[in-house]
PDB file of N, CA and C in Angstrom:
ATOM      1  N   MET A   1     -94.342-152.156-103.633  1.00  0.00           N
ATOM      2  CA  MET A   1     -93.840-152.996-104.543  1.00  0.00           C
ATOM      3  C   MET A   1     -94.520-154.365-104.723  1.00  0.00           C
ATOM      4  N   THR A   2     -94.974-154.896-106.127  1.00  0.00           N
ATOM      5  CA  THR A   2     -95.623-156.308-105.848  1.00  0.00           C
ATOM      6  C   THR A   2     -94.101-157.061-106.304  1.00  0.00           C
ATOM      7  N   PRO A   3     -93.802-158.434-105.342  1.00  0.00           N
ATOM      8  CA  PRO A   3     -93.058-158.978-106.206  1.00  0.00           C
ATOM      9  C   PRO A   3     -93.130-160.181-107.410  1.00  0.00           C
ATOM     10  N   THR A   4     -92.469-160.044-108.395  1.00  0.00           N
ATOM     11  CA  THR A   4     -92.402-161.071-109.689  1.00  0.00           C
ATOM     12  C   THR A   4     -92.252-161.533-109.494  1.00  0.00           C
ATOM     13  N   THR A   5     -91.830-162.159-107.963  1.00  0.00           N
ATOM     14  CA  THR A   5     -91.896-164.142-108.423  1.00  0.00           C
ATOM     15  C   THR A   5     -92.894-164.695-106.986  1.00  0.00           C
ATOM     16  N   ILE A   6     -93.912-165.851-107.523  1.00  0.00           N
ATOM     17  CA  ILE A   6     -94.200-165.631-105.936  1.00  0.00           C
ATOM     18  C   ILE A   6     -93.506-167.609-105.929  1.00  0.00           C
ATOM     19  N   TYR A   7     -93.895-168.086-104.843  1.00  0.00           N
ATOM     20  CA  TYR A   7     -93.589-168.878-104.666  1.00  0.00           C
ATOM     21  C   TYR A   7     -94.563-170.295-104.035  1.00  0.00           C
ATOM     22  N   ARG A   8     -94.511-171.190-104.640  1.00  0.00           N
ATOM     23  CA  ARG A   8     -96.076-172.351-103.993  1.00  0.00           C
ATOM     24  C   ARG A   8     -95.228-173.431-104.192  1.00  0.00           C
ATOM     25  N   ILE A   9     -94.924-173.604-103.100  1.00  0.00           N
ATOM     26  CA  ILE A   9     -94.696-175.466-102.338  1.00  0.00           C
ATOM     27  C   ILE A   9     -95.157-176.155-102.461  1.00  0.00           C
ATOM     28  N   ILE A  10     -94.888-177.938-102.654  1.00  0.00           N
ATOM     29  CA  ILE A  10     -95.710-179.036-103.369  1.00  0.00           C
ATOM     30  C   ILE A  10     -95.044-180.143-103.225  1.00  0.00           C
ATOM     31  N   ALA A  11     -95.821-180.987-103.036  1.00  0.00           N
ATOM     32  CA  ALA A  11     -95.635-182.603-103.413  1.00  0.00           C
ATOM     33  C   ALA A  11     -95.147-182.188-104.166  1.00  0.00           C
ATOM     34  N   ALA A  12     -93.861-183.774-104.367  1.00  0.00           N
ATOM     35  CA  ALA A  12     -93.152-183.772-105.542  1.00  0.00           C
ATOM     36  C   ALA A  12     -94.385-184.346-106.466  1.00  0.00           C
ATOM     37  N   ASP A  13     -94.670-185.526-105.833  1.00  0.00           N
ATOM     38  CA  ASP A  13     -95.548-186.343-107.198  1.00  0.00           C
ATOM     39  C   ASP A  13     -97.176-185.621-107.224  1.00  0.00           C
ATOM     40  N   ILE A  14     -97.723-185.179-106.593  1.00  0.00           N
ATOM     41  CA  ILE A  14     -98.291-183.535-106.978  1.00  0.00           C
ATOM     42  C   ILE A  14     -98.234-183.233-108.066  1.00  0.00           C
ATOM     43  N   TRP A  15     -97.298-181.866-108.092  1.00  0.00           N
ATOM     44  CA  TRP A  15     -95.888-182.112-109.548  1.00  0.00           C
ATOM     45  C   TRP A  15     -96.081-182.718-109.915  1.00  0.00           C
ATOM     46  N   GLN A  16     -95.113-183.923-110.494  1.00  0.00           N
ATOM     47  CA  GLN A  16     -95.366-184.638-111.306  1.00  0.00           C
ATOM     48  C   GLN A  16     -96.256-184.762-111.673  1.00  0.00           C
ATOM     49  N   ARG A  17     -97.561-185.071-111.046  1.00  0.00           N
ATOM     50  CA  ARG A  17     -99.354-185.617-111.962  1.00  0.00           C
ATOM     51  C   ARG A  17     -99.715-184.158-112.344  1.00  0.00           C
ATOM     52  N   ALA A  18     -98.233-183.396-112.061  1.00  0.00           N
ATOM     53  CA  ALA A  18     -99.762-181.715-112.137  1.00  0.00           C
ATOM     54  C   ALA A  18     -98.701-181.440-114.377  1.00  0.00           C
ATOM     55  N   LEU A  19     -96.795-182.574-114.111  1.00  0.00           N
ATOM     56  CA  LEU A  19     -96.915-182.076-115.434  1.00  0.00           C
ATOM     57  C   LEU A  19     -97.650-182.931-116.093  1.00  0.00           C
ATOM     58  N   ALA A  20     -97.761-183.365-116.122  1.00  0.00           N
ATOM     59  CA  ALA A  20     -97.868-185.039-117.309  1.00  0.00           C
ATOM     60  C   ALA A  20     -99.586-184.496-117.728  1.00  0.00           C
ATOM     61  N   THR A  21    -100.505-183.313-116.373  1.00  0.00           N
ATOM     62  CA  THR A  21    -101.881-182.653-118.073  1.00  0.00           C
ATOM     63  C   THR A  21    -101.226-181.578-118.135  1.00  0.00           C
ATOM     64  N   GLY A  22    -100.328-180.515-118.040  1.00  0.00           N
ATOM     65  CA  GLY A  22     -99.780-179.619-117.556  1.00  0.00           C
ATOM     66  C   GLY A  22    -100.501-178.743-117.125  1.00  0.00           C
ATOM     67  N   THR A  23    -101.407-178.182-116.316  1.00  0.00           N
ATOM     68  CA  THR A  23    -101.790-177.206-115.176  1.00  0.00           C
ATOM     69  C   THR A  23    -101.772-178.064-113.506  1.00  0.00           C
ATOM     70  N   PHE A  24    -101.698-177.517-112.898  1.00  0.00           N
ATOM     71  CA  PHE A  24    -102.031-177.612-111.172  1.00  0.00           C
ATOM     72  C   PHE A  24    -103.242-176.167-110.996  1.00  0.00           C
ATOM     73  N   ALA A  25    -103.777-177.473-110.266  1.00  0.00           N
ATOM     74  CA  ALA A  25    -105.747-177.799-110.008  1.00  0.00           C
ATOM     75  C   ALA A  25    -105.978-176.498-108.934  1.00  0.00           C
ATOM     76  N   GLY A  26    -105.116-176.928-107.517  1.00  0.00           N
ATOM     77  CA  GLY A  26    -104.931-177.430-107.043  1.00  0.00           C
ATOM     78  C   GLY A  26    -105.019-177.989-106.098  1.00  0.00           C
ATOM     79  N   THR A  27    -104.259-178.354-104.015  1.00  0.00           N
ATOM     80  CA  THR A  27    -104.376-179.529-103.470  1.00  0.00           C
ATOM     81  C   THR A  27    -105.828-179.093-102.818  1.00  0.00           C
ATOM     82  N   GLU A  28    -106.122-180.222-102.261  1.00  0.00           N
ATOM     83  CA  GLU A  28    -107.476-180.065-101.363  1.00  0.00           C
ATOM     84  C   GLU A  28    -108.039-179.129-101.195  1.00  0.00           C
ATOM     85  N   HIS A  29    -107.021-178.598-101.024  1.00  0.00           N
ATOM     86  CA  HIS A  29    -106.746-177.009 -98.764  1.00  0.00           C
ATOM     87  C   HIS A  29    -106.771-176.703-100.062  1.00  0.00           C
ATOM     88  N   ASP A  30    -106.445-175.919-100.920  1.00  0.00           N
ATOM     89  CA  ASP A  30    -106.998-175.176-102.350  1.00  0.00           C
ATOM     90  C   ASP A  30    -108.570-174.625-102.830  1.00  0.00           C
ATOM     91  N   LEU A  31    -108.612-176.010-102.988  1.00  0.00           N
ATOM     92  CA  LEU A  31    -110.433-176.417-103.311  1.00  0.00           C
ATOM     93  C   LEU A  31    -110.469-175.680-102.871  1.00  0.00           C
ATOM     94  N   ARG A  32    -110.920-176.051-101.434  1.00  0.00           N
ATOM     95  CA  ARG A  32    -111.891-175.956-100.108  1.00  0.00           C
ATOM     96  C   ARG A  32    -111.606-173.990-100.211  1.00  0.00           C
ATOM     97  N   ASP A  33    -110.517-173.701-100.629  1.00  0.00           N
ATOM     98  CA  ASP A  33    -109.671-172.239-100.532  1.00  0.00           C
ATOM     99  C   ASP A  33    -111.262-171.731-101.768  1.00  0.00           C
ATOM    100  N   GLY A  34    -110.551-172.245-102.968  1.00  0.00           N
ATOM    101  CA  GLY A  34    -111.301-171.378-104.421  1.00  0.00           C
ATOM    102  C   GLY A  34    -109.649-171.277-104.673  1.00  0.00           C
ATOM    103  N   PHE A  35    -108.879-170.506-104.413  1.00  0.00           N
ATOM    104  CA  PHE A  35    -106.907-170.528-104.973  1.00  0.00           C
ATOM    105  C   PHE A  35    -107.033-171.854-104.932  1.00  0.00           C
ATOM    106  N   ILE A  36    -105.684-170.980-105.130  1.00  0.00           N
ATOM    107  CA  ILE A  36    -104.019-171.912-104.901  1.00  0.00           C
ATOM    108  C   ILE A  36    -102.937-170.070-104.164  1.00  0.00           C
ATOM    109  N   HIS A  37    -102.670-171.413-103.839  1.00  0.00           N
ATOM    110  CA  HIS A  37    -101.666-170.502-102.448  1.00  0.00           C
ATOM    111  C   HIS A  37    -100.616-170.362-102.684  1.00  0.00           C
ATOM    112  N   PHE A  38     -99.590-168.871-102.954  1.00  0.00           N
ATOM    113  CA  PHE A  38     -98.557-169.086-102.954  1.00  0.00           C
ATOM    114  C   PHE A  38     -97.784-167.931-101.884  1.00  0.00           C
ATOM    115  N   SER A  39     -96.494-167.869-102.013  1.00  0.00           N
ATOM    116  CA  SER A  39     -95.380-166.660-101.068  1.00  0.00           C
ATOM    117  C   SER A  39     -94.996-166.057-102.331  1.00  0.00           C
ATOM    118  N   THR A  40     -95.028-164.997-101.005  1.00  0.00           N
ATOM    119  CA  THR A  40     -93.770-163.854-101.898  1.00  0.00           C
ATOM    120  C   THR A  40     -92.272-164.628-101.176  1.00  0.00           C
ATOM    121  N   ALA A  41     -90.589-164.279-101.408  1.00  0.00           N
ATOM    122  CA  ALA A  41     -89.544-164.838-101.301  1.00  0.00           C
ATOM    123  C   ALA A  41     -89.530-164.545 -99.525  1.00  0.00           C
ATOM    124  N   GLY A  42     -90.203-163.274 -99.424  1.00  0.00           N
ATOM    125  CA  GLY A  42     -89.806-163.074 -97.881  1.00  0.00           C
ATOM    126  C   GLY A  42     -91.356-164.321 -96.509  1.00  0.00           C
ATOM    127  N   GLN A  43     -92.209-164.716 -97.654  1.00  0.00           N
ATOM    128  CA  GLN A  43     -93.289-165.513 -96.824  1.00  0.00           C
ATOM    129  C   GLN A  43     -92.554-166.686 -96.454  1.00  0.00           C
ATOM    130  N   VAL A  44     -92.130-167.221 -97.157  1.00  0.00           N
ATOM    131  CA  VAL A  44     -91.955-169.025 -97.623  1.00  0.00           C
ATOM    132  C   VAL A  44     -91.986-169.541 -96.671  1.00  0.00           C
ATOM    133  N   ALA A  45     -90.618-168.876 -96.162  1.00  0.00           N
ATOM    134  CA  ALA A  45     -90.215-169.524 -94.641  1.00  0.00           C
ATOM    135  C   ALA A  45     -91.230-170.001 -93.813  1.00  0.00           C
ATOM    136  N   GLU A  46     -91.525-169.478 -93.323  1.00  0.00           N
ATOM    137  CA  GLU A  46     -93.628-168.867 -92.853  1.00  0.00           C
ATOM    138  C   GLU A  46     -94.049-170.473 -93.643  1.00  0.00           C
ATOM    139  N   THR A  47     -94.221-170.357 -93.850  1.00  0.00           N
ATOM    140  CA  THR A  47     -95.540-171.062 -94.271  1.00  0.00           C
ATOM    141  C   THR A  47     -94.248-172.543 -94.192  1.00  0.00           C
ATOM    142  N   ALA A  48     -93.898-172.505 -95.055  1.00  0.00           N
ATOM    143  CA  ALA A  48     -93.118-174.079 -94.543  1.00  0.00           C
ATOM    144  C   ALA A  48     -93.353-175.061 -93.350  1.00  0.00           C
ATOM    145  N   ALA A  49     -92.709-173.514 -92.142  1.00  0.00           N
ATOM    146  CA  ALA A  49     -93.048-174.196 -90.665  1.00  0.00           C
ATOM    147  C   ALA A  49     -94.355-174.317 -90.605  1.00  0.00           C
ATOM    148  N   ARG A  50     -95.270-173.348 -90.946  1.00  0.00           N
ATOM    149  CA  ARG A  50     -96.679-173.268 -90.482  1.00  0.00           C
ATOM    150  C   ARG A  50     -97.214-174.274 -91.736  1.00  0.00           C
ATOM    151  N   HIS A  51     -97.662-175.041 -92.454  1.00  0.00           N
ATOM    152  CA  HIS A  51     -98.268-175.562 -92.632  1.00  0.00           C
ATOM    153  C   HIS A  51     -97.663-177.055 -93.742  1.00  0.00           C
ATOM    154  N   TYR A  52     -96.181-177.246 -93.483  1.00  0.00           N
ATOM    155  CA  TYR A  52     -95.996-178.173 -93.703  1.00  0.00           C
ATOM    156  C   TYR A  52     -94.401-178.553 -93.553  1.00  0.00           C
ATOM    157  N   ALA A  53     -94.620-178.612 -92.055  1.00  0.00           N
ATOM    158  CA  ALA A  53     -93.840-178.530 -90.673  1.00  0.00           C
ATOM    159  C   ALA A  53     -93.057-180.024 -91.162  1.00  0.00           C
ATOM    160  N   GLY A  54     -91.606-180.708 -91.238  1.00  0.00           N
ATOM    161  CA  GLY A  54     -91.532-181.689 -91.440  1.00  0.00           C
ATOM    162  C   GLY A  54     -91.503-182.469 -92.259  1.00  0.00           C
ATOM    163  N   GLN A  55     -92.417-182.140 -92.778  1.00  0.00           N
ATOM    164  CA  GLN A  55     -92.513-183.038 -94.801  1.00  0.00           C
ATOM    165  C   GLN A  55     -92.076-182.875 -95.660  1.00  0.00           C
ATOM    166  N   ALA A  56     -90.433-184.159 -95.699  1.00  0.00           N
ATOM    167  CA  ALA A  56     -89.835-184.324 -96.487  1.00  0.00           C
ATOM    168  C   ALA A  56     -90.539-184.295 -98.268  1.00  0.00           C
ATOM    169  N   ASN A  57     -90.137-184.974 -99.074  1.00  0.00           N
ATOM    170  CA  ASN A  57     -90.558-184.863-101.145  1.00  0.00           C
ATOM    171  C   ASN A  57     -91.526-184.107-101.091  1.00  0.00           C
ATOM    172  N   LEU A  58     -90.531-182.320-100.919  1.00  0.00           N
ATOM    173  CA  LEU A  58     -91.442-181.131-101.318  1.00  0.00           C
ATOM    174  C   LEU A  58     -90.344-180.366-102.818  1.00  0.00           C
ATOM    175  N   LEU A  59     -91.238-179.578-103.720  1.00  0.00           N
ATOM    176  CA  LEU A  59     -90.154-178.988-104.315  1.00  0.00           C
ATOM    177  C   LEU A  59     -90.873-177.011-104.059  1.00  0.00           C
ATOM    178  N   LEU A  60     -90.364-176.915-104.443  1.00  0.00           N
ATOM    179  CA  LEU A  60     -90.272-175.539-104.590  1.00  0.00           C
ATOM    180  C   LEU A  60     -90.345-174.738-105.973  1.00  0.00           C
ATOM    181  N   VAL A  61     -91.989-174.244-105.801  1.00  0.00           N
ATOM    182  CA  VAL A  61     -91.705-173.842-107.307  1.00  0.00           C
ATOM    183  C   VAL A  61     -91.982-172.154-107.614  1.00  0.00           C
ATOM    184  N   ALA A  62     -91.194-171.827-108.343  1.00  0.00           N
ATOM    185  CA  ALA A  62     -90.973-170.452-109.383  1.00  0.00           C
ATOM    186  C   ALA A  62     -92.049-169.757-110.076  1.00  0.00           C
ATOM    187  N   VAL A  63     -92.649-169.071-109.874  1.00  0.00           N
ATOM    188  CA  VAL A  63     -93.940-168.719-110.984  1.00  0.00           C
ATOM    189  C   VAL A  63     -93.119-167.278-111.405  1.00  0.00           C
ATOM    190  N   ASN A  64     -93.465-166.306-112.519  1.00  0.00           N
ATOM    191  CA  ASN A  64     -93.659-164.859-112.752  1.00  0.00           C
ATOM    192  C   ASN A  64     -94.907-164.734-112.557  1.00  0.00           C
ATOM    193  N   ALA A  65     -95.090-163.839-111.740  1.00  0.00           N
ATOM    194  CA  ALA A  65     -96.446-163.478-111.016  1.00  0.00           C
ATOM    195  C   ALA A  65     -97.004-162.962-112.542  1.00  0.00           C
ATOM    196  N   ALA A  66     -96.847-161.747-113.116  1.00  0.00           N
ATOM    197  CA  ALA A  66     -96.850-161.691-114.095  1.00  0.00           C
ATOM    198  C   ALA A  66     -98.241-162.312-115.378  1.00  0.00           C
ATOM    199  N   ALA A  67     -97.334-163.617-115.197  1.00  0.00           N
ATOM    200  CA  ALA A  67     -97.474-164.715-116.582  1.00  0.00           C
ATOM    201  C   ALA A  67     -98.632-165.042-116.355  1.00  0.00           C
ATOM    202  N   LEU A  68     -99.416-164.633-114.572  1.00  0.00           N
ATOM    203  CA  LEU A  68    -100.550-165.524-114.694  1.00  0.00           C
ATOM    204  C   LEU A  68    -101.970-164.487-114.893  1.00  0.00           C
ATOM    205  N   GLY A  69    -101.743-163.212-115.279  1.00  0.00           N
ATOM    206  CA  GLY A  69    -102.275-161.802-116.036  1.00  0.00           C
ATOM    207  C   GLY A  69    -103.157-161.371-114.389  1.00  0.00           C
ATOM    208  N   ASP A  70    -104.709-161.289-115.060  1.00  0.00           N
ATOM    209  CA  ASP A  70    -105.376-161.079-113.424  1.00  0.00           C
ATOM    210  C   ASP A  70    -106.397-162.211-112.306  1.00  0.00           C
ATOM    211  N   ALA A  71    -105.988-163.188-112.916  1.00  0.00           N
ATOM    212  CA  ALA A  71    -106.105-164.506-112.005  1.00  0.00           C
ATOM    213  C   ALA A  71    -105.813-164.230-110.118  1.00  0.00           C
ATOM    214  N   LEU A  72    -104.642-163.483-110.432  1.00  0.00           N
ATOM    215  CA  LEU A  72    -103.404-163.368-109.692  1.00  0.00           C
ATOM    216  C   LEU A  72    -104.340-162.247-108.505  1.00  0.00           C
ATOM    217  N   ARG A  73    -104.681-162.404-107.416  1.00  0.00           N
ATOM    218  CA  ARG A  73    -105.123-161.269-106.554  1.00  0.00           C
ATOM    219  C   ARG A  73    -104.177-161.375-105.106  1.00  0.00           C
ATOM    220  N   TRP A  74    -103.962-160.282-104.794  1.00  0.00           N
ATOM    221  CA  TRP A  74    -102.544-160.055-103.364  1.00  0.00           C
ATOM    222  C   TRP A  74    -104.090-159.678-102.242  1.00  0.00           C
ATOM    223  N   GLU A  75    -104.259-161.191-101.445  1.00  0.00           N
ATOM    224  CA  GLU A  75    -104.891-159.876-101.024  1.00  0.00           C
ATOM    225  C   GLU A  75    -104.609-160.389 -98.973  1.00  0.00           C
ATOM    226  N   PRO A  76    -105.031-160.752 -98.336  1.00  0.00           N
ATOM    227  CA  PRO A  76    -104.415-159.887 -96.965  1.00  0.00           C
ATOM    228  C   PRO A  76    -104.684-161.216 -96.591  1.00  0.00           C
ATOM    229  N   SER A  77    -103.976-161.910 -95.509  1.00  0.00           N
ATOM    230  CA  SER A  77    -103.979-163.531 -94.733  1.00  0.00           C
ATOM    231  C   SER A  77    -103.673-163.183 -93.483  1.00  0.00           C
ATOM    232  N   ARG A  78    -102.944-163.605 -93.212  1.00  0.00           N
ATOM    233  CA  ARG A  78    -101.670-164.030 -92.309  1.00  0.00           C
ATOM    234  C   ARG A  78    -101.649-162.403 -91.475  1.00  0.00           C
ATOM    235  N   GLY A  79    -101.805-161.774 -90.489  1.00  0.00           N
ATOM    236  CA  GLY A  79    -101.485-160.761 -90.249  1.00  0.00           C
ATOM    237  C   GLY A  79    -101.954-159.325 -90.405  1.00  0.00           C
ATOM    238  N   GLY A  80    -102.366-159.732 -91.564  1.00  0.00           N
ATOM    239  CA  GLY A  80    -103.378-158.615 -92.411  1.00  0.00           C
ATOM    240  C   GLY A  80    -101.823-158.480 -94.242  1.00  0.00           C
ATOM    241  N   ALA A  81    -100.771-159.824 -93.620  1.00  0.00           N
ATOM    242  CA  ALA A  81     -99.896-159.297 -95.423  1.00  0.00           C
ATOM    243  C   ALA A  81    -101.295-159.812 -95.685  1.00  0.00           C
ATOM    244  N   LEU A  82     -99.927-159.081 -97.366  1.00  0.00           N
ATOM    245  CA  LEU A  82    -101.275-159.754 -98.510  1.00  0.00           C
ATOM    246  C   LEU A  82    -100.082-160.746 -99.059  1.00  0.00           C
ATOM    247  N   PHE A  83    -101.171-162.272 -99.773  1.00  0.00           N
ATOM    248  CA  PHE A  83    -100.352-163.439-100.148  1.00  0.00           C
ATOM    249  C   PHE A  83    -100.820-163.208-101.698  1.00  0.00           C
ATOM    250  N   PRO A  84    -100.332-163.819-102.317  1.00  0.00           N
ATOM    251  CA  PRO A  84    -100.377-163.744-104.337  1.00  0.00           C
ATOM    252  C   PRO A  84    -101.516-165.145-103.374  1.00  0.00           C
ATOM    253  N   HIS A  85    -102.484-164.884-104.309  1.00  0.00           N
ATOM    254  CA  HIS A  85    -103.642-165.965-104.664  1.00  0.00           C
ATOM    255  C   HIS A  85    -103.999-165.980-105.876  1.00  0.00           C
ATOM    256  N   LEU A  86    -104.042-167.543-106.391  1.00  0.00           N
ATOM    257  CA  LEU A  86    -104.064-167.112-107.885  1.00  0.00           C
ATOM    258  C   LEU A  86    -105.663-167.695-108.426  1.00  0.00           C
ATOM    259  N   TYR A  87    -106.728-167.653-108.982  1.00  0.00           N
ATOM    260  CA  TYR A  87    -107.676-167.701-109.276  1.00  0.00           C
ATOM    261  C   TYR A  87    -108.140-168.293-110.154  1.00  0.00           C
ATOM    262  N   ALA A  88    -107.626-169.625-110.693  1.00  0.00           N
ATOM    263  CA  ALA A  88    -107.147-170.219-111.691  1.00  0.00           C
ATOM    264  C   ALA A  88    -106.319-171.244-111.766  1.00  0.00           C
ATOM    265  N   PRO A  89    -106.329-172.241-112.659  1.00  0.00           N
ATOM    266  CA  PRO A  89    -105.584-173.625-112.539  1.00  0.00           C
ATOM    267  C   PRO A  89    -104.724-172.772-112.651  1.00  0.00           C
ATOM    268  N   LEU A  90    -102.997-173.344-112.924  1.00  0.00           N
ATOM    269  CA  LEU A  90    -101.439-172.280-113.048  1.00  0.00           C
ATOM    270  C   LEU A  90    -100.904-174.127-114.546  1.00  0.00           C
ATOM    271  N   PRO A  91    -100.772-173.093-115.256  1.00  0.00           N
ATOM    272  CA  PRO A  91    -100.729-173.750-116.410  1.00  0.00           C
ATOM    273  C   PRO A  91     -98.652-173.814-115.725  1.00  0.00           C
ATOM    274  N   THR A  92     -98.135-175.532-115.359  1.00  0.00           N
ATOM    275  CA  THR A  92     -96.914-175.691-115.323  1.00  0.00           C
ATOM    276  C   THR A  92     -95.903-175.150-115.776  1.00  0.00           C
ATOM    277  N   ASN A  93     -96.468-174.724-117.050  1.00  0.00           N
ATOM    278  CA  ASN A  93     -95.500-174.091-118.395  1.00  0.00           C
ATOM    279  C   ASN A  93     -94.643-172.900-117.731  1.00  0.00           C
ATOM    280  N   THR A  94     -95.389-171.682-116.976  1.00  0.00           N
ATOM    281  CA  THR A  94     -95.463-170.013-116.160  1.00  0.00           C
ATOM    282  C   THR A  94     -94.664-170.720-114.514  1.00  0.00           C
ATOM    283  N   ALA A  95     -93.612-172.552-114.385  1.00  0.00           N
ATOM    284  CA  ALA A  95     -92.680-172.330-113.229  1.00  0.00           C
ATOM    285  C   ALA A  95     -91.495-171.820-114.168  1.00  0.00           C
ATOM    286  N   THR A  96     -91.206-171.122-113.484  1.00  0.00           N
ATOM    287  CA  THR A  96     -89.563-170.538-114.510  1.00  0.00           C
ATOM    288  C   THR A  96     -88.656-171.082-112.974  1.00  0.00           C
ATOM    289  N   LEU A  97     -88.515-172.120-112.409  1.00  0.00           N
ATOM    290  CA  LEU A  97     -87.358-172.805-111.528  1.00  0.00           C
ATOM    291  C   LEU A  97     -88.494-173.196-110.750  1.00  0.00           C
ATOM    292  N   VAL A  98     -87.719-174.784-110.378  1.00  0.00           N
ATOM    293  CA  VAL A  98     -88.830-175.727-109.829  1.00  0.00           C
ATOM    294  C   VAL A  98     -87.148-176.426-108.812  1.00  0.00           C
ATOM    295  N   VAL A  99     -87.205-176.475-107.532  1.00  0.00           N
ATOM    296  CA  VAL A  99     -86.130-177.595-106.590  1.00  0.00           C
ATOM    297  C   VAL A  99     -86.410-178.039-105.151  1.00  0.00           C
ATOM    298  N   PRO A 100     -85.785-179.107-105.407  1.00  0.00           N
ATOM    299  CA  PRO A 100     -85.949-179.416-104.047  1.00  0.00           C
ATOM    300  C   PRO A 100     -86.519-178.489-102.829  1.00  0.00           C
ATOM    301  N   LEU A 101     -87.158-179.271-101.991  1.00  0.00           N
ATOM    302  CA  LEU A 101     -86.836-178.909-100.813  1.00  0.00           C
ATOM    303  C   LEU A 101     -86.612-179.096-100.182  1.00  0.00           C
ATOM    304  N   PRO A 102     -85.382-179.017 -99.553  1.00  0.00           N
ATOM    305  CA  PRO A 102     -85.167-180.812 -98.419  1.00  0.00           C
ATOM    306  C   PRO A 102     -85.666-179.806 -97.194  1.00  0.00           C
ATOM    307  N   LEU A 103     -85.126-181.431 -95.799  1.00  0.00           N
ATOM    308  CA  LEU A 103     -85.087-180.593 -94.637  1.00  0.00           C
ATOM    309  C   LEU A 103     -83.969-180.870 -94.296  1.00  0.00           C
ATOM    310  N   GLY A 104     -83.779-180.545 -93.934  1.00  0.00           N
ATOM    311  CA  GLY A 104     -81.613-180.286 -92.888  1.00  0.00           C
ATOM    312  C   GLY A 104     -81.774-181.365 -91.819  1.00  0.00           C
ATOM    313  N   PRO A 105     -80.761-181.293 -90.923  1.00  0.00           N
ATOM    314  CA  PRO A 105     -80.635-181.700 -89.829  1.00  0.00           C
ATOM    315  C   PRO A 105     -81.659-181.778 -88.890  1.00  0.00           C
ATOM    316  N   ASP A 106     -82.254-180.345 -88.630  1.00  0.00           N
ATOM    317  CA  ASP A 106     -83.317-179.914 -87.124  1.00  0.00           C
ATOM    318  C   ASP A 106     -84.219-179.617 -88.139  1.00  0.00           C
ATOM    319  N   ARG A 107     -84.651-180.425 -89.371  1.00  0.00           N
ATOM    320  CA  ARG A 107     -86.039-181.039 -89.421  1.00  0.00           C
ATOM    321  C   ARG A 107     -86.853-179.883 -90.537  1.00  0.00           C
ATOM    322  N   ILE A 108     -85.729-178.190 -90.009  1.00  0.00           N
ATOM    323  CA  ILE A 108     -86.064-177.626 -91.340  1.00  0.00           C
ATOM    324  C   ILE A 108     -85.640-177.497 -91.979  1.00  0.00           C
ATOM    325  N   HIS A 109     -86.894-176.877 -93.093  1.00  0.00           N
ATOM    326  CA  HIS A 109     -86.542-177.107 -94.560  1.00  0.00           C
ATOM    327  C   HIS A 109     -85.902-175.948 -95.340  1.00  0.00           C
ATOM    328  N   VAL A 110     -85.186-176.476 -96.145  1.00  0.00           N
ATOM    329  CA  VAL A 110     -83.168-175.464 -96.368  1.00  0.00           C
ATOM    330  C   VAL A 110     -84.243-175.471 -97.558  1.00  0.00           C
ATOM    331  N   LEU A 111     -83.925-173.545 -97.192  1.00  0.00           N
ATOM    332  CA  LEU A 111     -84.315-173.365 -98.489  1.00  0.00           C
ATOM    333  C   LEU A 111     -83.225-172.470 -99.204  1.00  0.00           C
ATOM    334  N   PRO A 112     -83.486-172.266-100.469  1.00  0.00           N
ATOM    335  CA  PRO A 112     -82.589-172.224-101.533  1.00  0.00           C
ATOM    336  C   PRO A 112     -82.422-170.354-101.442  1.00  0.00           C
ATOM    337  N   PRO A 113     -81.451-169.396-101.953  1.00  0.00           N
ATOM    338  CA  PRO A 113     -81.474-168.363-102.146  1.00  0.00           C
ATOM    339  C   PRO A 113     -82.833-167.934-102.710  1.00  0.00           C
ATOM    340  N   LEU A 114     -83.782-166.422-102.815  1.00  0.00           N
ATOM    341  CA  LEU A 114     -85.256-165.834-102.914  1.00  0.00           C
ATOM    342  C   LEU A 114     -84.446-164.677-103.404  1.00  0.00           C
ATOM    343  N   GLU A 115     -85.508-165.137-104.861  1.00  0.00           N
ATOM    344  CA  GLU A 115     -85.458-163.110-104.465  1.00  0.00           C
ATOM    345  C   GLU A 115     -86.054-162.214-104.183  1.00  0.00           C
TER     346      GLU A 115
END
């Protein structure tokens, strides 16, 4: 079954700039790869550990996958697992939840309960 909610970890200042324009076009990494990277609830912790280890001032943005239409594709990545990739800018108004992603005392991100 395809998850209905997907997640993006993003620096708070980048999200604030996206809110000002109404769209998030992606980070340098996304632009290089040609799509915006997302994770499922089961993938977020590993994504945070691999790509955002020790980074502060991050947000976790939840998006309704169905709102993204055909621009969202599920493609194999780490170990063959399917990851959601968005081949279009993300309209910021599709975010269903935006919460801080704090670091715990062990410098590991503390995730909220996820769908």
